[in-house]
Amino acid sequence: MDLKDKKIGFTLTGSFCTFQKVIPKMKEIKKLGAEIIPIMSFNSYNLDTKFGKAKDFIEEIENITGKEIIHTIQGAEPIGPKKMTDIMIIAPCSGNTMAKLACDIIDTPATMAAKSHLRNNRPLVIAPSTNNGLSGNAENIGKLLNRKNYYFVPFRQDNPITKPRSIVFDAEYIIKSIEYALDGEQISPILI
């Protein structure tokens, strides 16, 4: 599937350790001719961490996309009614955000963007990054895998020795996962 002229909602949530893997993929997607609508959760938009300052990430993302980041619930709500996106990816998708999606809790810009986008029966791609993916969040991953229009970027254990329940997506599969999802297919294998 060609990404040229596709409108891609690109949502970042609070798994800050993966931002340096995700932002270069935004650049690649933009070079392929897609229009990127950037969205950030409250935490990803506002918190400085050991992985970088929020204002620096915001500036970089807005420079890549040429668009102001959607970072409020009110800003995210029109995505569906206005049919602003052909596909949406949440990368990284924190365990907190996956749990909220699985339980239909819509209280952040990220979850509102997903809900609003899904009302049009269009694909939503999840790039999981969470320390409890193989424990408390495994149930939520299972729920989302069984829902219509949800697709996953392949993932693996993050660090099986020191964080045995942690999982993280493989950034090299982001673009391919989007292409497959646009065709209504889950890329496989999911576990790599």
C-alpha atoms as a PDB file:
ATOM      1  CA  MET A   1       0.000   0.000   0.000  1.00  0.00           C
ATOM      2  CA  ASP A   2       1.324   3.384  -1.014  1.00  0.00           C
ATOM      3  CA  LEU A   3       1.308   5.954   1.808  1.00  0.00           C
ATOM      4  CA  LYS A   4       1.333   8.910  -0.567  1.00  0.00           C
ATOM      5  CA  ASP A   5      -1.477  11.339   0.277  1.00  0.00           C
ATOM      6  CA  LYS A   6      -2.679   9.197   3.199  1.00  0.00           C
ATOM      7  CA  LYS A   7      -3.743  11.162   6.277  1.00  0.00           C
ATOM      8  CA  ILE A   8      -2.042   9.499   9.233  1.00  0.00           C
ATOM      9  CA  GLY A   9      -2.828  10.413  12.822  1.00  0.00           C
ATOM     10  CA  PHE A  10       0.421   9.848  14.715  1.00  0.00           C
ATOM     11  CA  THR A  11      -0.112   9.730  18.475  1.00  0.00           C
ATOM     12  CA  LEU A  12       2.622   9.605  21.108  1.00  0.00           C
ATOM     13  CA  THR A  13       1.961   8.550  24.700  1.00  0.00           C
ATOM     14  CA  GLY A  14       4.213   8.469  27.755  1.00  0.00           C
ATOM     15  CA  SER A  15       6.735   5.741  26.986  1.00  0.00           C
ATOM     16  CA  PHE A  16       9.435   8.385  26.609  1.00  0.00           C
ATOM     17  CA  CYS A  17      12.294   5.904  26.190  1.00  0.00           C
ATOM     18  CA  THR A  18      11.051   5.083  22.676  1.00  0.00           C
ATOM     19  CA  PHE A  19      10.638   8.638  21.316  1.00  0.00           C
ATOM     20  CA  GLN A  20      14.057   8.493  19.655  1.00  0.00           C
ATOM     21  CA  LYS A  21      12.907   5.393  17.736  1.00  0.00           C
ATOM     22  CA  VAL A  22       9.527   6.844  16.772  1.00  0.00           C
ATOM     23  CA  ILE A  23      10.371  10.355  15.602  1.00  0.00           C
ATOM     24  CA  PRO A  24      12.672   9.158  12.764  1.00  0.00           C
ATOM     25  CA  LYS A  25       9.761   6.994  11.530  1.00  0.00           C
ATOM     26  CA  MET A  26       7.644  10.147  11.312  1.00  0.00           C
ATOM     27  CA  LYS A  27      10.304  11.616   9.028  1.00  0.00           C
ATOM     28  CA  GLU A  28      10.252   8.490   6.846  1.00  0.00           C
ATOM     29  CA  ILE A  29       6.456   8.523   6.609  1.00  0.00           C
ATOM     30  CA  LYS A  30       6.511  12.194   5.654  1.00  0.00           C
ATOM     31  CA  LYS A  31       9.094  11.468   2.932  1.00  0.00           C
ATOM     32  CA  LEU A  32       6.750   8.799   1.549  1.00  0.00           C
ATOM     33  CA  GLY A  33       4.238  11.577   0.876  1.00  0.00           C
ATOM     34  CA  ALA A  34       1.808  11.073   3.755  1.00  0.00           C
ATOM     35  CA  GLU A  35       0.193  13.890   5.674  1.00  0.00           C
ATOM     36  CA  ILE A  36       0.845  13.450   9.398  1.00  0.00           C
ATOM     37  CA  ILE A  37      -1.537  14.792  12.013  1.00  0.00           C
ATOM     38  CA  PRO A  38       0.525  14.820  15.245  1.00  0.00           C
ATOM     39  CA  ILE A  39      -1.202  14.054  18.546  1.00  0.00           C
ATOM     40  CA  MET A  40       0.294  13.790  22.021  1.00  0.00           C
ATOM     41  CA  SER A  41      -1.122  12.616  25.335  1.00  0.00           C
ATOM     42  CA  PHE A  42      -1.120  15.033  28.271  1.00  0.00           C
ATOM     43  CA  ASN A  43       2.006  13.440  29.721  1.00  0.00           C
ATOM     44  CA  SER A  44       3.991  13.200  26.499  1.00  0.00           C
ATOM     45  CA  TYR A  45       3.180  16.841  25.722  1.00  0.00           C
ATOM     46  CA  ASN A  46       3.961  18.264  29.165  1.00  0.00           C
ATOM     47  CA  LEU A  47       6.596  16.196  30.973  1.00  0.00           C
ATOM     48  CA  ASP A  48      10.348  16.605  30.840  1.00  0.00           C
ATOM     49  CA  THR A  49      12.160  13.323  31.518  1.00  0.00           C
ATOM     50  CA  LYS A  50      15.672  11.910  31.473  1.00  0.00           C
ATOM     51  CA  PHE A  51      14.988  11.132  27.791  1.00  0.00           C
ATOM     52  CA  GLY A  52      14.465  14.779  26.831  1.00  0.00           C
ATOM     53  CA  LYS A  53      12.515  17.974  27.293  1.00  0.00           C
ATOM     54  CA  ALA A  54       8.895  18.131  26.171  1.00  0.00           C
ATOM     55  CA  LYS A  55       9.406  21.443  24.335  1.00  0.00           C
ATOM     56  CA  ASP A  56      12.238  19.928  22.279  1.00  0.00           C
ATOM     57  CA  PHE A  57      10.124  16.942  21.227  1.00  0.00           C
ATOM     58  CA  ILE A  58       7.201  19.240  20.402  1.00  0.00           C
ATOM     59  CA  GLU A  59       9.376  21.505  18.279  1.00  0.00           C
ATOM     60  CA  GLU A  60      10.924  18.576  16.404  1.00  0.00           C
ATOM     61  CA  ILE A  61       7.562  16.910  15.706  1.00  0.00           C
ATOM     62  CA  GLU A  62       5.957  20.154  14.557  1.00  0.00           C
ATOM     63  CA  ASN A  63       8.927  20.830  12.260  1.00  0.00           C
ATOM     64  CA  ILE A  64       8.644  17.355  10.715  1.00  0.00           C
ATOM     65  CA  THR A  65       4.891  17.433  10.225  1.00  0.00           C
ATOM     66  CA  GLY A  66       4.398  21.129   9.523  1.00  0.00           C
ATOM     67  CA  LYS A  67       1.407  21.018  11.864  1.00  0.00           C
ATOM     68  CA  GLU A  68       0.610  22.061  15.402  1.00  0.00           C
ATOM     69  CA  ILE A  69       0.297  19.085  17.744  1.00  0.00           C
ATOM     70  CA  ILE A  70      -3.170  18.152  18.963  1.00  0.00           C
ATOM     71  CA  HIS A  71      -2.727  17.940  22.739  1.00  0.00           C
ATOM     72  CA  THR A  72      -6.158  18.476  24.264  1.00  0.00           C
ATOM     73  CA  ILE A  73      -9.324  16.395  24.418  1.00  0.00           C
ATOM     74  CA  GLN A  74     -11.211  19.216  22.681  1.00  0.00           C
ATOM     75  CA  GLY A  75      -8.624  19.276  19.892  1.00  0.00           C
ATOM     76  CA  ALA A  76      -8.831  15.499  19.379  1.00  0.00           C
ATOM     77  CA  GLU A  77     -12.628  15.147  19.361  1.00  0.00           C
ATOM     78  CA  PRO A  78     -13.202  16.481  15.780  1.00  0.00           C
ATOM     79  CA  ILE A  79     -10.831  13.910  14.226  1.00  0.00           C
ATOM     80  CA  GLY A  80     -13.660  11.462  13.498  1.00  0.00           C
ATOM     81  CA  PRO A  81     -16.513  13.833  12.627  1.00  0.00           C
ATOM     82  CA  LYS A  82     -14.247  15.751  10.227  1.00  0.00           C
ATOM     83  CA  LYS A  83     -12.726  12.511   8.838  1.00  0.00           C
ATOM     84  CA  MET A  84      -9.255  13.927   9.411  1.00  0.00           C
ATOM     85  CA  THR A  85      -7.423  10.561   9.324  1.00  0.00           C
ATOM     86  CA  ASP A  86      -7.296   7.512   7.048  1.00  0.00           C
ATOM     87  CA  ILE A  87      -5.359   5.581   9.684  1.00  0.00           C
ATOM     88  CA  MET A  88      -4.023   6.269  13.152  1.00  0.00           C
ATOM     89  CA  ILE A  89      -0.994   4.892  14.944  1.00  0.00           C
ATOM     90  CA  ILE A  90      -0.265   5.188  18.638  1.00  0.00           C
ATOM     91  CA  ALA A  91       3.509   4.877  18.901  1.00  0.00           C
ATOM     92  CA  PRO A  92       4.547   4.478  21.572  1.00  0.00           C
ATOM     93  CA  CYS A  93       1.375   3.178  23.165  1.00  0.00           C
ATOM     94  CA  SER A  94       1.914   2.978  26.913  1.00  0.00           C
ATOM     95  CA  GLY A  95       0.332   0.311  29.087  1.00  0.00           C
ATOM     96  CA  ASN A  96      -1.827   3.015  30.623  1.00  0.00           C
ATOM     97  CA  THR A  97      -3.227   3.996  27.222  1.00  0.00           C
ATOM     98  CA  MET A  98      -3.785   0.358  26.184  1.00  0.00           C
ATOM     99  CA  ALA A  99      -5.682  -0.294  29.420  1.00  0.00           C
ATOM    100  CA  LYS A 100      -7.857   2.765  28.853  1.00  0.00           C
ATOM    101  CA  LEU A 101      -8.622   1.744  25.260  1.00  0.00           C
ATOM    102  CA  ALA A 102      -9.450  -1.804  26.364  1.00  0.00           C
ATOM    103  CA  CYS A 103     -11.869  -0.447  28.986  1.00  0.00           C
ATOM    104  CA  ASP A 104     -13.211   2.398  26.798  1.00  0.00           C
ATOM    105  CA  ILE A 105     -11.916   5.121  29.129  1.00  0.00           C
ATOM    106  CA  ILE A 106     -11.666   8.316  27.115  1.00  0.00           C
ATOM    107  CA  ASP A 107      -9.923  10.921  29.265  1.00  0.00           C
ATOM    108  CA  THR A 108      -6.791  11.989  27.373  1.00  0.00           C
ATOM    109  CA  PRO A 109      -6.075  13.491  23.943  1.00  0.00           C
ATOM    110  CA  ALA A 110      -4.658  10.093  22.880  1.00  0.00           C
ATOM    111  CA  THR A 111      -7.718   8.061  23.852  1.00  0.00           C
ATOM    112  CA  MET A 112     -10.116  10.681  22.471  1.00  0.00           C
ATOM    113  CA  ALA A 113      -8.205  10.744  19.184  1.00  0.00           C
ATOM    114  CA  ALA A 114      -8.423   6.940  18.936  1.00  0.00           C
ATOM    115  CA  LYS A 115     -12.134   6.840  19.807  1.00  0.00           C
ATOM    116  CA  SER A 116     -12.963   9.649  17.412  1.00  0.00           C
ATOM    117  CA  HIS A 117     -10.938   8.051  14.598  1.00  0.00           C
ATOM    118  CA  LEU A 118     -12.465   4.587  15.147  1.00  0.00           C
ATOM    119  CA  ARG A 119     -16.012   5.899  14.685  1.00  0.00           C
ATOM    120  CA  ASN A 120     -15.266   5.880  10.942  1.00  0.00           C
ATOM    121  CA  ASN A 121     -14.294   2.158  10.938  1.00  0.00           C
ATOM    122  CA  ARG A 122     -10.736   2.970   9.982  1.00  0.00           C
ATOM    123  CA  PRO A 123      -7.621   1.149  11.220  1.00  0.00           C
ATOM    124  CA  LEU A 124      -5.852   1.952  14.482  1.00  0.00           C
ATOM    125  CA  VAL A 125      -2.305   0.627  14.871  1.00  0.00           C
ATOM    126  CA  ILE A 126      -0.875   0.068  18.365  1.00  0.00           C
ATOM    127  CA  ALA A 127       2.893   0.059  19.002  1.00  0.00           C
ATOM    128  CA  PRO A 128       3.024  -1.281  22.583  1.00  0.00           C
ATOM    129  CA  SER A 129       5.682  -0.200  25.036  1.00  0.00           C
ATOM    130  CA  THR A 130       5.012  -1.134  28.638  1.00  0.00           C
ATOM    131  CA  ASN A 131       6.752  -2.697  31.612  1.00  0.00           C
ATOM    132  CA  ASN A 132       3.702  -4.867  32.383  1.00  0.00           C
ATOM    133  CA  GLY A 133       2.831  -6.205  28.929  1.00  0.00           C
ATOM    134  CA  LEU A 134       3.373  -9.803  30.013  1.00  0.00           C
ATOM    135  CA  SER A 135       1.572  -9.383  33.323  1.00  0.00           C
ATOM    136  CA  GLY A 136      -1.242  -6.944  34.147  1.00  0.00           C
ATOM    137  CA  ASN A 137      -1.575  -5.553  30.641  1.00  0.00           C
ATOM    138  CA  ALA A 138      -1.574  -8.900  28.823  1.00  0.00           C
ATOM    139  CA  GLU A 139      -5.348  -9.094  29.256  1.00  0.00           C
ATOM    140  CA  ASN A 140      -5.787  -5.658  27.653  1.00  0.00           C
ATOM    141  CA  ILE A 141      -3.578  -6.581  24.712  1.00  0.00           C
ATOM    142  CA  GLY A 142      -5.741  -9.677  24.211  1.00  0.00           C
ATOM    143  CA  LYS A 143      -8.914  -7.579  24.254  1.00  0.00           C
ATOM    144  CA  LEU A 144      -7.561  -5.140  21.690  1.00  0.00           C
ATOM    145  CA  LEU A 145      -6.261  -7.921  19.434  1.00  0.00           C
ATOM    146  CA  ASN A 146      -9.818  -9.228  19.240  1.00  0.00           C
ATOM    147  CA  ARG A 147     -11.439  -5.916  18.338  1.00  0.00           C
ATOM    148  CA  LYS A 148     -12.297  -4.774  14.846  1.00  0.00           C
ATOM    149  CA  ASN A 149      -9.949  -2.197  13.322  1.00  0.00           C
ATOM    150  CA  TYR A 150      -7.161  -2.699  15.898  1.00  0.00           C
ATOM    151  CA  TYR A 151      -3.743  -3.772  14.611  1.00  0.00           C
ATOM    152  CA  PHE A 152      -0.397  -4.183  16.371  1.00  0.00           C
ATOM    153  CA  VAL A 153       3.184  -3.363  15.458  1.00  0.00           C
ATOM    154  CA  PRO A 154       5.201  -6.528  16.187  1.00  0.00           C
ATOM    155  CA  PHE A 155       6.743  -6.524  19.656  1.00  0.00           C
ATOM    156  CA  ARG A 156       9.127  -8.499  21.857  1.00  0.00           C
ATOM    157  CA  GLN A 157      10.306  -8.712  25.410  1.00  0.00           C
ATOM    158  CA  ASP A 158      12.162  -5.522  26.205  1.00  0.00           C
ATOM    159  CA  ASN A 159      14.776  -6.947  28.564  1.00  0.00           C
ATOM    160  CA  PRO A 160      13.991 -10.524  29.628  1.00  0.00           C
ATOM    161  CA  ILE A 161      16.635 -10.573  32.388  1.00  0.00           C
ATOM    162  CA  THR A 162      15.967  -7.382  34.362  1.00  0.00           C
ATOM    163  CA  LYS A 163      12.406  -6.619  33.135  1.00  0.00           C
ATOM    164  CA  PRO A 164      10.871 -10.012  32.297  1.00  0.00           C
ATOM    165  CA  ARG A 165       7.302  -8.687  31.888  1.00  0.00           C
ATOM    166  CA  SER A 166       8.231  -5.667  29.769  1.00  0.00           C
ATOM    167  CA  ILE A 167       7.465  -5.501  26.051  1.00  0.00           C
ATOM    168  CA  VAL A 168       8.395  -3.011  23.348  1.00  0.00           C
ATOM    169  CA  PHE A 169       7.469  -2.650  19.683  1.00  0.00           C
ATOM    170  CA  ASP A 170      10.049  -2.983  16.922  1.00  0.00           C
ATOM    171  CA  ALA A 171      10.241   0.428  15.225  1.00  0.00           C
ATOM    172  CA  GLU A 172      11.430  -1.154  11.970  1.00  0.00           C
ATOM    173  CA  TYR A 173       7.911  -2.577  11.532  1.00  0.00           C
ATOM    174  CA  ILE A 174       5.997   0.706  11.982  1.00  0.00           C
ATOM    175  CA  ILE A 175       5.627   1.587   8.300  1.00  0.00           C
ATOM    176  CA  LYS A 176       4.917  -1.987   7.221  1.00  0.00           C
ATOM    177  CA  SER A 177       2.313  -2.351   9.992  1.00  0.00           C
ATOM    178  CA  ILE A 178       0.565   0.798   8.727  1.00  0.00           C
ATOM    179  CA  GLU A 179       0.618  -0.506   5.155  1.00  0.00           C
ATOM    180  CA  TYR A 180      -0.840  -3.872   6.193  1.00  0.00           C
ATOM    181  CA  ALA A 181      -3.514  -2.254   8.367  1.00  0.00           C
ATOM    182  CA  LEU A 182      -4.594  -0.021   5.479  1.00  0.00           C
ATOM    183  CA  ASP A 183      -5.268  -3.282   3.616  1.00  0.00           C
ATOM    184  CA  GLY A 184      -7.186  -4.646   6.632  1.00  0.00           C
ATOM    185  CA  GLU A 185      -4.467  -7.121   7.601  1.00  0.00           C
ATOM    186  CA  GLN A 186      -2.444  -7.737  10.750  1.00  0.00           C
ATOM    187  CA  ILE A 187       1.249  -8.055   9.980  1.00  0.00           C
ATOM    188  CA  SER A 188       2.658 -11.275  11.382  1.00  0.00           C
ATOM    189  CA  PRO A 189       4.207 -12.605  13.379  1.00  0.00           C
ATOM    190  CA  ILE A 190       3.126 -10.179  16.103  1.00  0.00           C
ATOM    191  CA  LEU A 191       5.575 -11.605  18.627  1.00  0.00           C
ATOM    192  CA  ILE A 192       9.144 -11.356  17.371  1.00  0.00           C
END
